[in-house]
């Protein structure tokens, strides 16, 4: 028997990130086009608010 080929950790993470980004892009397009159910939009709003609380953005500074 031969062992299954292994994927390097960095490649696995890059692959997962690519799939996640594609899914998030699709959700954003569907949301903008009004194709999501109101319950789904509500859940997205809650998730976005939770993310914003956990990952606060530094204040934006204009270039001088």
C-alpha atoms as a PDB file:
ATOM      1  CA  UNK A   1       0.000   0.000   0.000  1.00  0.00           C
ATOM      2  CA  UNK A   2       1.104   3.525  -0.663  1.00  0.00           C
ATOM      3  CA  UNK A   3       0.480   6.370   1.718  1.00  0.00           C
ATOM      4  CA  UNK A   4      -1.836   9.144   0.648  1.00  0.00           C
ATOM      5  CA  UNK A   5       0.012  12.300  -0.361  1.00  0.00           C
ATOM      6  CA  UNK A   6       0.003  14.980   2.293  1.00  0.00           C
ATOM      7  CA  UNK A   7      -0.686  18.616   1.653  1.00  0.00           C
ATOM      8  CA  UNK A   8       1.652  21.087   3.347  1.00  0.00           C
ATOM      9  CA  UNK A   9      -0.026  23.089   6.104  1.00  0.00           C
ATOM     10  CA  UNK A  10       0.465  26.411   4.304  1.00  0.00           C
ATOM     11  CA  UNK A  11      -1.152  25.034   1.158  1.00  0.00           C
ATOM     12  CA  UNK A  12      -4.092  23.607   3.112  1.00  0.00           C
ATOM     13  CA  UNK A  13      -4.669  26.974   4.782  1.00  0.00           C
ATOM     14  CA  UNK A  14      -4.423  28.794   1.446  1.00  0.00           C
ATOM     15  CA  UNK A  15      -6.922  26.365  -0.101  1.00  0.00           C
ATOM     16  CA  UNK A  16      -9.358  26.787   2.786  1.00  0.00           C
ATOM     17  CA  UNK A  17      -9.010  30.591   2.647  1.00  0.00           C
ATOM     18  CA  UNK A  18      -9.728  30.559  -1.102  1.00  0.00           C
ATOM     19  CA  UNK A  19     -12.901  28.501  -0.618  1.00  0.00           C
ATOM     20  CA  UNK A  20     -14.036  30.717   2.279  1.00  0.00           C
ATOM     21  CA  UNK A  21     -13.391  33.895   0.275  1.00  0.00           C
ATOM     22  CA  UNK A  22     -15.427  32.506  -2.633  1.00  0.00           C
ATOM     23  CA  UNK A  23     -18.312  31.687  -0.284  1.00  0.00           C
ATOM     24  CA  UNK A  24     -18.199  35.140   1.334  1.00  0.00           C
ATOM     25  CA  UNK A  25     -18.172  36.790  -2.103  1.00  0.00           C
ATOM     26  CA  UNK A  26     -21.241  34.772  -3.116  1.00  0.00           C
ATOM     27  CA  UNK A  27     -23.054  35.711   0.096  1.00  0.00           C
ATOM     28  CA  UNK A  28     -22.219  39.396  -0.442  1.00  0.00           C
ATOM     29  CA  UNK A  29     -23.513  39.295  -4.029  1.00  0.00           C
ATOM     30  CA  UNK A  30     -26.711  37.532  -2.992  1.00  0.00           C
ATOM     31  CA  UNK A  31     -27.226  39.967  -0.125  1.00  0.00           C
ATOM     32  CA  UNK A  32     -26.699  42.999  -2.365  1.00  0.00           C
ATOM     33  CA  UNK A  33     -29.144  41.604  -4.921  1.00  0.00           C
ATOM     34  CA  UNK A  34     -31.776  40.965  -2.231  1.00  0.00           C
ATOM     35  CA  UNK A  35     -31.753  37.188  -2.745  1.00  0.00           C
ATOM     36  CA  UNK A  36     -31.260  36.305   0.925  1.00  0.00           C
ATOM     37  CA  UNK A  37     -34.101  35.590   3.302  1.00  0.00           C
ATOM     38  CA  UNK A  38     -34.637  38.265   5.961  1.00  0.00           C
ATOM     39  CA  UNK A  39     -33.648  35.723   8.647  1.00  0.00           C
ATOM     40  CA  UNK A  40     -30.329  35.136   6.877  1.00  0.00           C
ATOM     41  CA  UNK A  41     -29.649  38.872   6.669  1.00  0.00           C
ATOM     42  CA  UNK A  42     -30.424  39.193  10.382  1.00  0.00           C
ATOM     43  CA  UNK A  43     -27.944  36.417  11.188  1.00  0.00           C
ATOM     44  CA  UNK A  44     -25.297  38.061   9.019  1.00  0.00           C
ATOM     45  CA  UNK A  45     -25.803  41.350  10.842  1.00  0.00           C
ATOM     46  CA  UNK A  46     -25.369  39.611  14.199  1.00  0.00           C
ATOM     47  CA  UNK A  47     -22.230  37.817  13.005  1.00  0.00           C
ATOM     48  CA  UNK A  48     -20.769  41.051  11.612  1.00  0.00           C
ATOM     49  CA  UNK A  49     -21.448  42.879  14.881  1.00  0.00           C
ATOM     50  CA  UNK A  50     -19.844  40.054  16.880  1.00  0.00           C
ATOM     51  CA  UNK A  51     -16.783  40.142  14.612  1.00  0.00           C
ATOM     52  CA  UNK A  52     -16.518  43.930  14.947  1.00  0.00           C
ATOM     53  CA  UNK A  53     -16.571  43.657  18.746  1.00  0.00           C
ATOM     54  CA  UNK A  54     -13.867  40.981  18.747  1.00  0.00           C
ATOM     55  CA  UNK A  55     -11.680  42.732  16.174  1.00  0.00           C
ATOM     56  CA  UNK A  56     -11.874  46.475  16.754  1.00  0.00           C
ATOM     57  CA  UNK A  57     -10.451  48.594  13.969  1.00  0.00           C
ATOM     58  CA  UNK A  58      -7.979  51.368  14.796  1.00  0.00           C
ATOM     59  CA  UNK A  59      -9.254  54.864  13.999  1.00  0.00           C
ATOM     60  CA  UNK A  60      -8.751  55.806  10.354  1.00  0.00           C
ATOM     61  CA  UNK A  61      -6.312  58.647   9.870  1.00  0.00           C
ATOM     62  CA  UNK A  62      -6.267  60.821   6.785  1.00  0.00           C
ATOM     63  CA  UNK A  63      -2.940  61.247   5.035  1.00  0.00           C
ATOM     64  CA  UNK A  64      -1.229  64.483   6.007  1.00  0.00           C
END
